[in-house]
Amino acid sequence: MRKRFEQQYSLGRVAIEDTKIRINSRAAAYRIASALLEIYKTPEYNEQVFAILESYITKGKKQTGRRGMDLWQIFVLSQYRLGLSLSYDELDYLVNEDKTLRSLLGIQSNEFGIPQQQISYQNLIDNLNLITDEMMKQLNAVIVSFANGEVFKKKPAAGCILKTDSYVVESNVHFPTDYNLLWDCSRKSIDMVEKILECTAQLPGWRKLKDWRKRIKNGSRQIGQISGKGGPNKDDRLKECVGIYVKTTSELVNKLIDFLPLIPIGGDNLCWYYKLQLEEYITLTIKHIDLLERRVIKGEKIPHEEKMFSIFEQYTEWITKGKQHPSVELGKKLCVTTDQNNLIVDYRIMDHQADSQIVMEIAAELLSKYKIASWSFDKGFYHQDNKAILANLVGKVIMPKKGKPNKKEKEEEGQPGFKKLRNKHSAIESNINELEHRGLNRCPDRGLKHFTRYIGVGVCAYNLYKIGTKLREMKIAEQIRLRKEERQMLVA
């Protein structure tokens, strides 16, 4: 059973709306807390946030049983985790020790001495995993609406000044080579055999399990040492070492295939699950044996679409953006669009897409929501069709041409208005840099589902940080104004 938030207003408990925020603090935690508190205090947006959370987390579930974490607490903790780029261990410490966060969650006791409510580490993980990417997209729309209506006071008639760019959010993977990926496949296969033997110790044939691991690991290290160094007859030595490595892993695969029919899948243990995992790792091992043999021994050039860059995060792409550092990035491209207040109004993960292929998809979404006065891109997004279509829908399109412009395009790019908006486009680079500092440089979570959720939460946390920064500026300006009035009254 989950509720939006039900706090009993009684002695000993600090109400959420009474949370004290230190205005003069420059810490990111206080800015995020300030933005969350303002949303909570504003009934219109408070209702929208809870309606979205309920539609995804509690929809279709019984309202009976033991009470779970409140929806407001799940939302707040997710924003703290990404807004401060915390691990679950660090979040666990803050949620049980930080008075401001506990007060914002509604679990902080006051001086009357009610016992402090604690939230366990596993409880944090289980509840934050209920968040989805689609949920965060809807919440981000509410957050942007709140910022424009209540904080930045944007006039409805004023058009948006948008900027779009992309960068790479890295997966949590090591640098891939075909021989170390083959080692990953082999060691995970051996790990599954060990787990199966723990469930059914009577299965024979694996007395030398540690020796298998040692031989394959040594083979992988030898290939790495030879390929990383020079010396006479390097190619011949590499082929010989790869031949031995492939032979050893092939023997392991044959032994694993013979072992599969012997694995019992009945009973209360997890043998059936480990068997499914083992079958998957065997398939991956066979694939990488073939790739390594074809590349080194047969001298073939492996097509890019046949390559895999991680056996754990299989969605990972090898991305080369033409930069000197880093020259190669492993992950997924994230395309973000910001407005004149540096809020992210749209974001989307690109799946094997070039920048120019995603423009119309973004335009269809944003033109249905906003009046756009100008929209700037970099050269990577240029395509003559993109520019021609947007020119009829947007007040001013800044989309420099790839390569050498013709006379007409050169005149257009030389106009003062074009130059001004093109120069302002560089602001999105600082937005992306700050987004990376909010945790979206490298995703530690596993799996594509968690990767997309991680990005969604990070974007919302970034927007809340921007809102909190503006609120802090407004409150400091108000303090200065009041002090000035007090001094004038004393002088008078």
Protein backbone atom coordinates (compact mmCIF):
# COMPACT_ATOMS: atom_id res chain seq x y z
CA MET A 1 0.00 0.00 0.00
CA ARG A 2 1.36 3.41 -1.02
CA LYS A 3 0.06 6.90 -0.42
CA ARG A 4 0.95 10.26 -1.87
CA PHE A 5 2.02 11.57 1.46
CA GLU A 6 0.23 11.33 4.75
CA GLN A 7 1.95 13.11 7.55
CA GLN A 8 0.28 13.21 10.92
CA TYR A 9 0.48 16.74 12.23
CA SER A 10 1.33 15.97 15.81
CA LEU A 11 3.91 16.85 18.41
CA GLY A 12 7.33 15.55 17.51
CA ARG A 13 7.19 15.68 13.70
CA VAL A 14 8.43 18.51 11.44
CA ALA A 15 5.93 19.35 8.67
CA ILE A 16 7.34 19.38 5.14
CA GLU A 17 6.24 22.98 4.51
CA ASP A 18 8.19 24.03 7.63
CA THR A 19 11.50 22.73 6.21
CA LYS A 20 14.24 25.30 6.79
CA ILE A 21 16.38 26.10 3.73
CA ARG A 22 19.59 28.06 4.19
CA ILE A 23 19.29 30.81 1.58
CA ASN A 24 22.94 31.87 1.78
CA SER A 25 24.31 28.37 1.18
CA ARG A 26 25.75 27.74 -2.29
CA ALA A 27 25.56 23.95 -1.95
CA ALA A 28 23.66 22.07 -4.67
CA ALA A 29 21.66 20.17 -2.02
CA TYR A 30 20.02 23.36 -0.73
CA ARG A 31 19.13 24.54 -4.24
CA ILE A 32 17.47 21.26 -5.13
CA ALA A 33 15.68 21.19 -1.77
CA SER A 34 14.47 24.77 -2.31
CA ALA A 35 12.99 23.91 -5.73
CA LEU A 36 11.31 20.74 -4.42
CA LEU A 37 9.83 22.63 -1.47
CA GLU A 38 8.35 25.31 -3.72
CA ILE A 39 6.73 22.66 -5.93
CA TYR A 40 5.32 20.96 -2.84
CA LYS A 41 3.86 24.25 -1.58
CA THR A 42 2.21 25.11 -4.92
CA PRO A 43 -1.09 23.16 -5.07
CA GLU A 44 -1.43 23.27 -8.88
CA TYR A 45 1.93 21.63 -9.57
CA ASN A 46 1.87 19.48 -6.44
CA GLU A 47 -1.29 17.84 -7.76
CA GLN A 48 0.23 17.26 -11.21
CA VAL A 49 3.34 15.63 -9.76
CA PHE A 50 1.35 13.27 -7.55
CA ALA A 51 -1.04 12.38 -10.38
CA ILE A 52 1.90 11.29 -12.56
CA LEU A 53 3.53 9.32 -9.74
CA GLU A 54 0.27 7.55 -8.97
CA SER A 55 -0.41 6.67 -12.61
CA TYR A 56 2.91 4.81 -12.87
CA ILE A 57 3.63 3.46 -9.37
CA THR A 58 0.29 2.70 -7.72
CA LYS A 59 -2.03 2.19 -10.70
CA GLY A 60 -3.79 -1.19 -10.57
CA LYS A 61 -2.35 -2.10 -7.16
CA LYS A 62 -4.34 -2.96 -4.06
CA GLN A 63 -4.62 -0.31 -1.37
CA THR A 64 -4.06 -2.85 1.39
CA GLY A 65 -1.10 -4.46 3.07
CA ARG A 66 2.01 -3.08 4.65
CA ARG A 67 2.66 0.55 3.88
CA GLY A 68 5.44 1.30 1.41
CA MET A 69 7.54 4.41 0.87
CA ASP A 70 5.41 7.46 0.04
CA LEU A 71 5.35 8.78 -3.52
CA TRP A 72 6.74 12.15 -2.48
CA GLN A 73 9.69 10.47 -0.78
CA ILE A 74 10.49 8.41 -3.89
CA PHE A 75 10.46 11.56 -6.02
CA VAL A 76 12.64 13.57 -3.63
CA LEU A 77 15.22 10.83 -3.14
CA SER A 78 15.57 10.22 -6.87
CA GLN A 79 16.30 13.91 -7.43
CA TYR A 80 18.81 14.03 -4.60
CA ARG A 81 20.66 11.00 -5.93
CA LEU A 82 21.21 12.46 -9.41
CA GLY A 83 21.26 16.12 -8.43
CA LEU A 84 24.23 15.52 -6.15
CA SER A 85 25.63 12.59 -8.19
CA LEU A 86 25.45 10.24 -5.20
CA SER A 87 25.96 6.53 -4.89
CA TYR A 88 23.32 4.55 -2.99
CA ASP A 89 25.71 4.38 -0.01
CA GLU A 90 26.03 8.16 0.11
CA LEU A 91 22.28 8.59 -0.30
CA ASP A 92 21.71 6.09 2.52
CA TYR A 93 23.91 8.21 4.80
CA LEU A 94 22.16 11.47 3.90
CA VAL A 95 18.62 10.14 4.24
CA ASN A 96 19.33 8.98 7.79
CA GLU A 97 21.56 11.87 8.94
CA ASP A 98 20.82 15.06 6.95
CA LYS A 99 18.19 17.12 8.78
CA THR A 100 17.12 19.16 5.75
CA LEU A 101 16.56 16.11 3.58
CA ARG A 102 14.74 14.25 6.37
CA SER A 103 12.53 17.28 6.97
CA LEU A 104 11.75 17.46 3.25
CA LEU A 105 10.81 13.78 3.34
CA GLY A 106 8.54 14.36 6.35
CA ILE A 107 10.39 11.97 8.69
CA GLN A 108 12.40 14.41 10.82
CA SER A 109 11.60 14.50 14.53
CA ASN A 110 11.75 17.72 16.49
CA GLU A 111 12.76 18.51 20.05
CA PHE A 112 9.87 16.58 21.58
CA GLY A 113 11.81 13.37 21.17
CA ILE A 114 9.79 11.04 18.94
CA PRO A 115 12.11 8.20 17.77
CA GLN A 116 13.76 8.92 14.43
CA GLN A 117 12.39 6.95 11.48
CA GLN A 118 15.13 5.17 9.52
CA ILE A 119 15.15 4.10 5.84
CA SER A 120 17.24 1.06 4.97
CA TYR A 121 19.72 0.78 2.11
CA GLN A 122 17.78 -1.94 0.30
CA ASN A 123 14.56 0.01 0.72
CA LEU A 124 16.13 2.89 -1.19
CA ILE A 125 17.18 0.68 -4.10
CA ASP A 126 13.86 -1.14 -4.34
CA ASN A 127 11.76 2.03 -4.34
CA LEU A 128 13.92 4.14 -6.67
CA ASN A 129 13.83 1.28 -9.18
CA LEU A 130 10.06 1.87 -9.52
CA ILE A 131 10.77 5.03 -11.52
CA THR A 132 10.56 4.81 -15.33
CA ASP A 133 11.82 6.99 -18.17
CA GLU A 134 8.31 7.83 -19.37
CA MET A 135 7.36 8.95 -15.87
CA MET A 136 10.37 11.27 -15.73
CA LYS A 137 9.55 12.81 -19.11
CA GLN A 138 6.11 13.79 -17.84
CA LEU A 139 7.51 15.06 -14.54
CA ASN A 140 10.11 17.10 -16.42
CA ALA A 141 7.31 18.78 -18.39
CA VAL A 142 5.63 19.75 -15.10
CA ILE A 143 8.91 21.05 -13.67
CA VAL A 144 9.57 23.20 -16.77
CA SER A 145 5.99 24.51 -16.64
CA PHE A 146 6.42 25.40 -12.96
CA ALA A 147 9.71 27.18 -13.69
CA ASN A 148 8.26 29.26 -16.53
CA GLY A 149 5.04 30.12 -14.68
CA GLU A 150 6.18 30.64 -11.08
CA VAL A 151 9.92 31.32 -11.08
CA PHE A 152 11.22 32.83 -14.32
CA LYS A 153 7.80 34.46 -15.01
CA LYS A 154 7.98 33.86 -18.74
CA LYS A 155 5.22 35.66 -20.65
CA PRO A 156 2.93 33.32 -22.63
CA ALA A 157 3.24 35.43 -25.79
CA ALA A 158 7.04 35.40 -25.70
CA GLY A 159 8.59 32.81 -27.99
CA CYS A 160 11.18 30.31 -26.82
CA ILE A 161 14.83 30.69 -27.78
CA LEU A 162 15.92 27.08 -28.15
CA LYS A 163 19.34 25.48 -28.50
CA THR A 164 19.91 21.81 -29.40
CA ASP A 165 23.07 19.73 -29.10
CA SER A 166 24.12 16.16 -28.32
CA TYR A 167 26.80 14.44 -26.28
CA VAL A 168 27.63 10.92 -25.13
CA VAL A 169 26.49 9.44 -21.82
CA GLU A 170 28.95 6.63 -21.20
CA SER A 171 28.01 3.12 -20.14
CA ASN A 172 29.80 1.55 -17.21
CA VAL A 173 32.01 -0.71 -19.35
CA HIS A 174 35.71 -1.36 -19.86
CA PHE A 175 37.45 -0.73 -23.17
CA PRO A 176 36.48 -3.64 -25.43
CA THR A 177 38.80 -5.92 -27.37
CA ASP A 178 37.76 -9.25 -28.84
CA TYR A 179 40.13 -11.21 -26.60
CA ASN A 180 39.08 -9.54 -23.31
CA LEU A 181 35.39 -9.88 -24.28
CA LEU A 182 36.07 -13.59 -24.84
CA TRP A 183 37.58 -13.69 -21.35
CA ASP A 184 34.44 -12.01 -19.97
CA CYS A 185 32.24 -14.65 -21.64
CA SER A 186 34.41 -17.52 -20.37
CA ARG A 187 34.69 -16.31 -16.78
CA LYS A 188 30.94 -15.68 -16.52
CA SER A 189 30.28 -19.17 -17.88
CA ILE A 190 32.57 -20.56 -15.17
CA ASP A 191 30.79 -18.39 -12.57
CA MET A 192 27.44 -19.92 -13.59
CA VAL A 193 28.91 -23.43 -13.29
CA GLU A 194 30.08 -22.59 -9.76
CA LYS A 195 26.60 -21.38 -8.80
CA ILE A 196 25.01 -24.52 -10.24
CA LEU A 197 27.45 -26.71 -8.30
CA GLU A 198 26.52 -24.86 -5.11
CA CYS A 199 22.89 -25.85 -5.73
CA THR A 200 23.65 -29.45 -6.77
CA ALA A 201 27.03 -30.51 -5.46
CA GLN A 202 26.67 -34.09 -6.77
CA LEU A 203 27.26 -33.12 -10.42
CA PRO A 204 30.67 -34.49 -11.57
CA GLY A 205 33.25 -33.29 -14.08
CA TRP A 206 34.34 -29.95 -12.66
CA ARG A 207 37.17 -30.86 -10.31
CA LYS A 208 39.55 -28.57 -12.24
CA LEU A 209 37.22 -25.58 -12.38
CA LYS A 210 39.83 -23.19 -10.94
CA ASP A 211 42.39 -24.46 -13.42
CA TRP A 212 40.04 -23.63 -16.33
CA ARG A 213 39.74 -20.06 -15.08
CA LYS A 214 43.50 -19.71 -14.61
CA ARG A 215 44.41 -21.06 -18.07
CA ILE A 216 41.93 -18.82 -19.90
CA LYS A 217 42.90 -15.74 -17.91
CA ASN A 218 46.59 -16.32 -18.57
CA GLY A 219 45.86 -16.73 -22.27
CA SER A 220 44.03 -13.39 -22.35
CA ARG A 221 46.90 -11.65 -20.54
CA GLN A 222 49.51 -13.06 -22.91
CA ILE A 223 47.60 -11.80 -25.94
CA GLY A 224 47.34 -8.36 -24.34
CA GLN A 225 51.08 -8.24 -23.63
CA ILE A 226 52.05 -9.29 -27.16
CA SER A 227 49.60 -6.94 -28.91
CA GLY A 228 50.63 -4.02 -26.69
CA LYS A 229 54.37 -4.38 -27.32
CA GLY A 230 56.62 -4.62 -30.33
CA GLY A 231 59.44 -7.05 -30.92
CA PRO A 232 60.52 -9.47 -33.64
CA ASN A 233 57.92 -11.71 -35.31
CA LYS A 234 55.09 -10.01 -33.43
CA ASP A 235 52.37 -11.17 -35.85
CA ASP A 236 53.52 -14.79 -35.75
CA ARG A 237 53.75 -14.80 -31.96
CA LEU A 238 50.29 -13.19 -31.72
CA LYS A 239 48.73 -15.77 -34.06
CA GLU A 240 50.32 -18.62 -32.10
CA CYS A 241 49.08 -17.25 -28.77
CA VAL A 242 45.58 -16.60 -30.15
CA GLY A 243 45.50 -20.14 -31.56
CA ILE A 244 46.18 -21.60 -28.10
CA TYR A 245 43.64 -19.23 -26.51
CA VAL A 246 40.94 -20.14 -29.02
CA LYS A 247 41.66 -23.85 -28.60
CA THR A 248 41.35 -23.61 -24.79
CA THR A 249 38.09 -21.66 -24.88
CA SER A 250 36.68 -24.01 -27.53
CA GLU A 251 37.43 -26.99 -25.26
CA LEU A 252 35.60 -25.17 -22.45
CA VAL A 253 32.58 -24.54 -24.71
CA ASN A 254 32.41 -28.22 -25.70
CA LYS A 255 32.56 -29.22 -22.03
CA LEU A 256 29.81 -26.73 -21.13
CA ILE A 257 27.55 -27.96 -23.93
CA ASP A 258 27.94 -31.55 -22.68
CA PHE A 259 27.20 -30.31 -19.16
CA LEU A 260 23.90 -28.55 -19.99
CA PRO A 261 21.67 -31.71 -20.18
CA LEU A 262 22.90 -32.79 -16.72
CA ILE A 263 21.66 -29.65 -14.97
CA PRO A 264 18.43 -30.31 -13.00
CA ILE A 265 15.83 -27.57 -13.33
CA GLY A 266 13.27 -28.77 -10.78
CA GLY A 267 13.11 -28.12 -7.05
CA ASP A 268 13.28 -24.91 -5.05
CA ASN A 269 16.79 -23.84 -6.12
CA LEU A 270 17.79 -21.41 -8.88
CA CYS A 271 19.40 -23.96 -11.19
CA TRP A 272 16.92 -23.16 -13.95
CA TYR A 273 17.93 -19.49 -13.86
CA TYR A 274 21.66 -20.23 -13.82
CA LYS A 275 21.16 -22.64 -16.72
CA LEU A 276 19.50 -19.91 -18.81
CA GLN A 277 22.36 -17.56 -18.00
CA LEU A 278 24.91 -20.24 -18.88
CA GLU A 279 23.26 -20.86 -22.25
CA GLU A 280 23.47 -17.15 -23.05
CA TYR A 281 27.15 -16.95 -22.09
CA ILE A 282 27.94 -20.05 -24.16
CA THR A 283 26.36 -18.37 -27.20
CA LEU A 284 28.41 -15.21 -26.60
CA THR A 285 31.59 -17.26 -26.11
CA ILE A 286 31.10 -19.01 -29.46
CA LYS A 287 30.50 -15.64 -31.14
CA HIS A 288 33.73 -14.11 -29.79
CA ILE A 289 35.79 -17.20 -30.57
CA ASP A 290 34.68 -16.78 -34.17
CA LEU A 291 35.44 -13.02 -34.21
CA LEU A 292 38.92 -13.45 -32.70
CA GLU A 293 39.81 -16.31 -35.01
CA ARG A 294 38.62 -14.45 -38.12
CA ARG A 295 40.40 -11.21 -37.24
CA VAL A 296 43.80 -12.47 -36.08
CA ILE A 297 44.32 -15.91 -37.60
CA LYS A 298 42.43 -15.46 -40.91
CA GLY A 299 43.22 -11.75 -41.25
CA GLU A 300 39.63 -10.64 -41.96
CA LYS A 301 38.27 -7.16 -41.29
CA ILE A 302 35.21 -7.54 -39.05
CA PRO A 303 32.20 -5.42 -40.13
CA HIS A 304 31.16 -2.87 -37.49
CA GLU A 305 27.61 -4.24 -37.20
CA GLU A 306 28.95 -7.67 -36.14
CA LYS A 307 30.96 -6.27 -33.25
CA MET A 308 29.82 -6.18 -29.63
CA PHE A 309 31.30 -3.71 -27.18
CA SER A 310 30.16 -5.24 -23.90
CA ILE A 311 28.55 -8.55 -22.99
CA PHE A 312 26.94 -6.91 -19.95
CA GLU A 313 25.67 -3.62 -21.44
CA GLN A 314 24.86 -4.87 -24.93
CA TYR A 315 23.14 -1.62 -25.93
CA THR A 316 26.53 0.16 -25.82
CA GLU A 317 27.59 1.94 -29.01
CA TRP A 318 31.09 2.81 -30.22
CA ILE A 319 30.79 6.57 -30.86
CA THR A 320 33.40 8.66 -32.66
CA LYS A 321 32.53 12.37 -32.78
CA GLY A 322 35.77 13.54 -34.39
CA LYS A 323 37.18 15.02 -31.19
CA GLN A 324 40.80 14.80 -30.20
CA HIS A 325 39.96 13.92 -26.62
CA PRO A 326 38.25 11.62 -26.08
CA SER A 327 38.60 10.17 -29.58
CA VAL A 328 36.18 7.31 -28.81
CA GLU A 329 33.29 7.08 -26.34
CA LEU A 330 31.29 4.01 -25.33
CA GLY A 331 27.63 4.57 -24.47
CA LYS A 332 24.62 6.30 -26.02
CA LYS A 333 24.22 9.77 -27.50
CA LEU A 334 21.83 12.06 -25.63
CA CYS A 335 20.25 14.97 -27.51
CA VAL A 336 19.14 17.87 -25.29
CA THR A 337 17.25 21.07 -26.09
CA THR A 338 17.43 24.05 -23.74
CA ASP A 339 15.54 27.35 -23.65
CA GLN A 340 16.59 30.91 -22.81
CA ASN A 341 16.43 30.11 -19.08
CA ASN A 342 18.85 27.18 -19.56
CA LEU A 343 16.12 24.65 -18.72
CA ILE A 344 16.07 21.37 -20.61
CA VAL A 345 12.69 21.31 -22.37
CA ASP A 346 13.34 18.12 -24.35
CA TYR A 347 15.75 15.21 -24.22
CA ARG A 348 15.97 11.91 -26.05
CA ILE A 349 18.38 9.01 -26.31
CA MET A 350 19.60 8.39 -29.86
CA ASP A 351 19.68 4.78 -31.03
CA HIS A 352 22.29 4.45 -33.80
CA GLN A 353 21.15 7.82 -35.19
CA ALA A 354 23.10 10.75 -36.56
CA ASP A 355 22.31 14.26 -35.29
CA SER A 356 20.66 15.26 -38.58
CA GLN A 357 18.26 12.28 -38.41
CA ILE A 358 16.61 13.34 -35.17
CA VAL A 359 15.75 17.00 -35.93
CA MET A 360 12.25 16.41 -37.32
CA GLU A 361 11.37 14.09 -34.45
CA ILE A 362 12.28 16.79 -31.92
CA ALA A 363 10.53 19.50 -33.93
CA ALA A 364 7.26 17.55 -34.05
CA GLU A 365 7.29 17.31 -30.25
CA LEU A 366 8.30 20.87 -29.40
CA LEU A 367 6.26 22.73 -32.01
CA SER A 368 3.12 21.18 -30.55
CA LYS A 369 3.95 22.65 -27.12
CA TYR A 370 5.78 25.94 -27.63
CA LYS A 371 5.92 29.01 -29.78
CA ILE A 372 9.54 29.09 -30.97
CA ALA A 373 11.13 32.46 -31.77
CA SER A 374 14.54 31.02 -32.71
CA TRP A 375 16.21 27.63 -32.73
CA SER A 376 19.95 27.07 -33.05
CA PHE A 377 21.91 23.93 -33.93
CA ASP A 378 25.52 23.11 -34.73
CA LYS A 379 26.77 21.79 -38.07
CA GLY A 380 26.16 18.15 -37.17
CA PHE A 381 22.38 18.70 -37.37
CA TYR A 382 22.48 20.29 -40.82
CA HIS A 383 20.48 18.87 -43.70
CA GLN A 384 18.87 20.94 -46.41
CA ASP A 385 15.47 19.33 -45.76
CA ASN A 386 15.70 19.99 -42.01
CA LYS A 387 16.51 23.65 -42.56
CA ALA A 388 13.87 24.16 -45.25
CA ILE A 389 11.05 22.66 -43.17
CA LEU A 390 11.97 24.45 -39.93
CA ALA A 391 12.30 27.79 -41.74
CA ASN A 392 8.54 27.70 -42.36
CA LEU A 393 7.70 26.82 -38.74
CA VAL A 394 10.21 28.74 -36.62
CA GLY A 395 10.92 32.44 -36.45
CA LYS A 396 14.68 32.11 -36.97
CA VAL A 397 16.63 28.92 -37.70
CA ILE A 398 20.37 28.85 -36.97
CA MET A 399 21.73 25.77 -38.71
CA PRO A 400 25.21 26.33 -40.21
CA LYS A 401 26.00 24.29 -43.29
CA LYS A 402 28.56 21.50 -43.25
CA GLY A 403 31.50 22.30 -45.46
CA LYS A 404 31.86 25.41 -47.59
CA PRO A 405 28.68 27.55 -47.88
CA ASN A 406 27.57 29.02 -51.20
CA LYS A 407 27.19 32.76 -51.77
CA LYS A 408 23.59 32.95 -50.50
CA GLU A 409 24.34 30.87 -47.39
CA LYS A 410 27.46 32.94 -46.70
CA GLU A 411 25.40 36.14 -46.79
CA GLU A 412 22.83 34.62 -44.42
CA GLU A 413 25.48 33.48 -41.95
CA GLY A 414 27.11 36.91 -42.08
CA GLN A 415 24.00 38.77 -40.87
CA PRO A 416 24.23 40.31 -37.37
CA GLY A 417 21.11 38.47 -36.12
CA PHE A 418 22.47 35.12 -37.29
CA LYS A 419 25.88 35.77 -35.71
CA LYS A 420 24.33 36.86 -32.41
CA LEU A 421 22.18 33.73 -32.06
CA ARG A 422 25.01 31.49 -33.24
CA ASN A 423 27.30 32.94 -30.58
CA LYS A 424 24.60 32.39 -27.94
CA HIS A 425 24.36 28.75 -29.00
CA SER A 426 27.63 28.05 -27.17
CA ALA A 427 25.71 28.42 -23.87
CA ILE A 428 24.40 24.88 -24.35
CA GLU A 429 27.97 23.57 -23.97
CA SER A 430 28.06 24.89 -20.42
CA ASN A 431 24.59 23.37 -19.85
CA ILE A 432 25.89 19.98 -20.99
CA ASN A 433 28.96 20.35 -18.77
CA GLU A 434 26.75 21.06 -15.78
CA LEU A 435 24.48 18.15 -16.73
CA GLU A 436 27.53 15.89 -16.58
CA HIS A 437 28.29 17.23 -13.10
CA ARG A 438 24.72 16.30 -12.10
CA GLY A 439 25.71 12.66 -12.75
CA LEU A 440 25.04 12.29 -16.47
CA ASN A 441 28.60 11.69 -17.60
CA ARG A 442 28.69 7.94 -16.91
CA CYS A 443 25.77 5.72 -15.90
CA PRO A 444 26.57 3.21 -13.12
CA ASP A 445 23.20 1.42 -13.41
CA ARG A 446 22.93 -1.84 -15.34
CA GLY A 447 20.70 -2.52 -18.33
CA LEU A 448 19.10 -0.29 -20.98
CA LYS A 449 15.93 0.19 -18.90
CA HIS A 450 17.91 1.55 -15.97
CA PHE A 451 20.16 3.56 -18.30
CA THR A 452 17.18 5.44 -19.77
CA ARG A 453 15.65 5.97 -16.31
CA TYR A 454 18.97 7.31 -15.00
CA ILE A 455 19.07 9.91 -17.77
CA GLY A 456 15.47 10.99 -17.16
CA VAL A 457 16.06 11.49 -13.44
CA GLY A 458 19.29 13.38 -14.17
CA VAL A 459 17.56 15.83 -16.50
CA CYS A 460 14.84 16.56 -13.91
CA ALA A 461 17.48 17.05 -11.20
CA TYR A 462 19.36 19.47 -13.47
CA ASN A 463 16.19 21.54 -14.02
CA LEU A 464 15.43 21.58 -10.29
CA TYR A 465 18.97 22.81 -9.63
CA LYS A 466 18.43 25.67 -12.10
CA ILE A 467 15.11 26.54 -10.45
CA GLY A 468 16.71 26.44 -7.00
CA THR A 469 19.49 28.74 -8.19
CA LYS A 470 16.96 31.30 -9.43
CA LEU A 471 14.93 31.06 -6.22
CA ARG A 472 18.08 31.67 -4.20
CA GLU A 473 18.90 34.78 -6.27
CA MET A 474 15.37 36.10 -5.80
CA LYS A 475 15.42 35.57 -2.02
CA ILE A 476 18.86 37.15 -1.63
CA ALA A 477 17.70 40.14 -3.69
CA GLU A 478 14.64 40.42 -1.44
CA GLN A 479 16.84 40.33 1.68
CA ILE A 480 19.05 43.09 0.28
CA ARG A 481 15.98 45.20 -0.54
CA LEU A 482 14.54 44.81 2.98
CA ARG A 483 17.87 45.70 4.62
CA LYS A 484 18.13 48.76 2.41
CA GLU A 485 14.65 49.88 3.43
CA GLU A 486 15.50 49.35 7.11
CA ARG A 487 18.63 51.51 6.81
CA GLN A 488 16.65 54.25 5.05
CA MET A 489 14.05 54.20 7.86
CA LEU A 490 16.77 54.48 10.51
CA VAL A 491 18.37 57.42 8.73
CA ALA A 492 14.99 59.14 8.38
